[in-house]
Protein backbone atom coordinates (compact mmCIF):
# COMPACT_ATOMS: atom_id res chain seq x y z
CA MET A 1 -5.22 9.42 4.86
CA ASN A 2 -4.04 8.71 8.40
CA ALA A 3 -1.85 5.74 9.28
CA GLN A 4 -0.95 4.31 12.66
CA VAL A 5 1.34 1.39 13.39
CA ILE A 6 -0.54 -1.32 15.29
CA SER A 7 2.45 -3.60 15.75
CA SER A 8 5.96 -3.69 14.40
CA GLU A 9 8.64 -6.35 14.45
CA ALA A 10 11.87 -6.79 12.51
CA LYS A 11 10.17 -8.55 9.59
CA GLU A 12 6.48 -7.75 10.03
CA ILE A 13 4.36 -4.64 10.42
CA SER A 14 0.62 -4.08 10.90
CA ILE A 15 -0.86 -0.67 10.12
CA SER A 16 -4.29 0.88 10.68
CA ILE A 17 -5.24 3.33 7.92
CA THR A 18 -8.24 5.65 8.04
CA GLU A 19 -9.74 8.22 5.69
CA THR A 20 -8.66 6.35 2.56
CA ASP A 21 -10.07 4.37 -0.32
CA ILE A 22 -9.39 0.63 -0.23
CA GLY A 23 -8.55 0.80 -3.95
CA ILE A 24 -5.41 2.81 -3.21
CA LEU A 25 -4.32 0.20 -0.69
CA TYR A 26 -4.94 -2.58 -3.21
CA ILE A 27 -2.58 -0.85 -5.66
CA ILE A 28 0.10 -0.59 -2.96
CA GLN A 29 -0.52 -4.24 -2.02
CA HIS A 30 -0.06 -5.25 -5.66
CA GLU A 31 3.26 -3.40 -5.81
CA LEU A 32 4.34 -5.00 -2.52
CA LEU A 33 3.58 -8.49 -3.80
CA LYS A 34 5.76 -7.86 -6.87
CA ALA A 35 8.77 -7.26 -4.60
CA SER A 36 10.98 -10.31 -4.10
CA ASN A 37 11.58 -9.47 -0.42
CA VAL A 38 7.88 -9.48 0.51
CA ASN A 39 6.39 -12.79 1.65
CA PHE A 40 2.90 -11.51 2.46
CA ALA A 41 0.94 -8.29 1.99
CA GLY A 42 -2.69 -8.17 3.02
CA VAL A 43 -5.34 -5.46 3.17
CA ILE A 44 -8.76 -5.67 4.80
CA VAL A 45 -11.59 -3.28 5.60
CA LYS A 46 -11.83 -3.53 9.38
CA HIS A 47 -15.38 -2.20 9.41
CA PRO A 48 -17.21 -0.36 6.61
CA LEU A 49 -18.87 2.15 8.96
CA THR A 50 -15.60 3.26 10.56
CA ASN A 51 -13.71 3.63 7.26
CA GLU A 52 -10.74 1.85 8.80
CA CYS A 53 -8.46 -0.48 6.84
CA TRP A 54 -5.69 -2.70 8.11
CA MET A 55 -2.57 -3.64 6.20
CA ARG A 56 -0.07 -6.30 7.22
CA ILE A 57 3.27 -6.89 5.54
CA ASN A 58 5.70 -9.73 6.16
CA SER A 59 9.11 -9.22 4.56
CA SER A 60 12.63 -10.62 4.71
CA VAL A 61 13.90 -7.03 5.05
CA LYS A 62 12.49 -3.95 6.81
CA PRO A 63 8.79 -3.91 5.88
CA LEU A 64 8.45 -0.14 6.29
CA GLY A 65 11.12 0.33 3.61
CA GLU A 66 9.22 -2.02 1.32
CA ILE A 67 6.03 0.01 1.84
CA LYS A 68 7.91 3.17 0.90
CA LYS A 69 9.33 1.61 -2.29
CA SER A 70 5.96 0.16 -3.30
CA THR A 71 4.17 3.45 -2.68
CA GLU A 72 6.71 5.34 -4.78
CA SER A 73 6.31 2.75 -7.55
CA ALA A 74 2.50 3.10 -7.42
CA ILE A 75 2.75 6.90 -7.61
CA LYS A 76 5.06 6.65 -10.63
CA MET A 77 2.64 4.26 -12.35
CA VAL A 78 -0.30 6.62 -11.73
CA GLU A 79 1.68 9.58 -13.10
CA GLU A 80 2.43 7.59 -16.26
CA PHE A 81 -1.27 6.77 -16.67
CA LYS A 82 -2.15 10.42 -16.15
CA GLU A 83 0.28 11.51 -18.88
CA LEU A 84 -1.07 8.82 -21.22
CA PHE A 85 -4.66 9.94 -20.71
CA ILE A 86 -3.78 13.62 -21.11
CA SER A 87 -1.91 12.91 -24.35
CA LYS A 88 -4.86 10.92 -25.74
CA LEU A 89 -7.36 13.65 -24.85
CA ARG A 90 -5.47 16.38 -26.73
């Protein structure tokens, strides 16, 4: 996964992300939208042949910090699912 900031302001950031699966970004978007400081979080596939996705976040606090928190939350959730599935398969 490669990410590049397209534009950044105090309360809004736009990011271009390549070499990723849109499903991962949807999980991060879901976590962002659960945060009380986030007003908007959107993800789109820019073009299916280029495998480029864009994400835009509008927040009342630093949006990059909100991305970090939401990503950490998504990772924790996936680890919990992994442990659940492993325990059920034993």
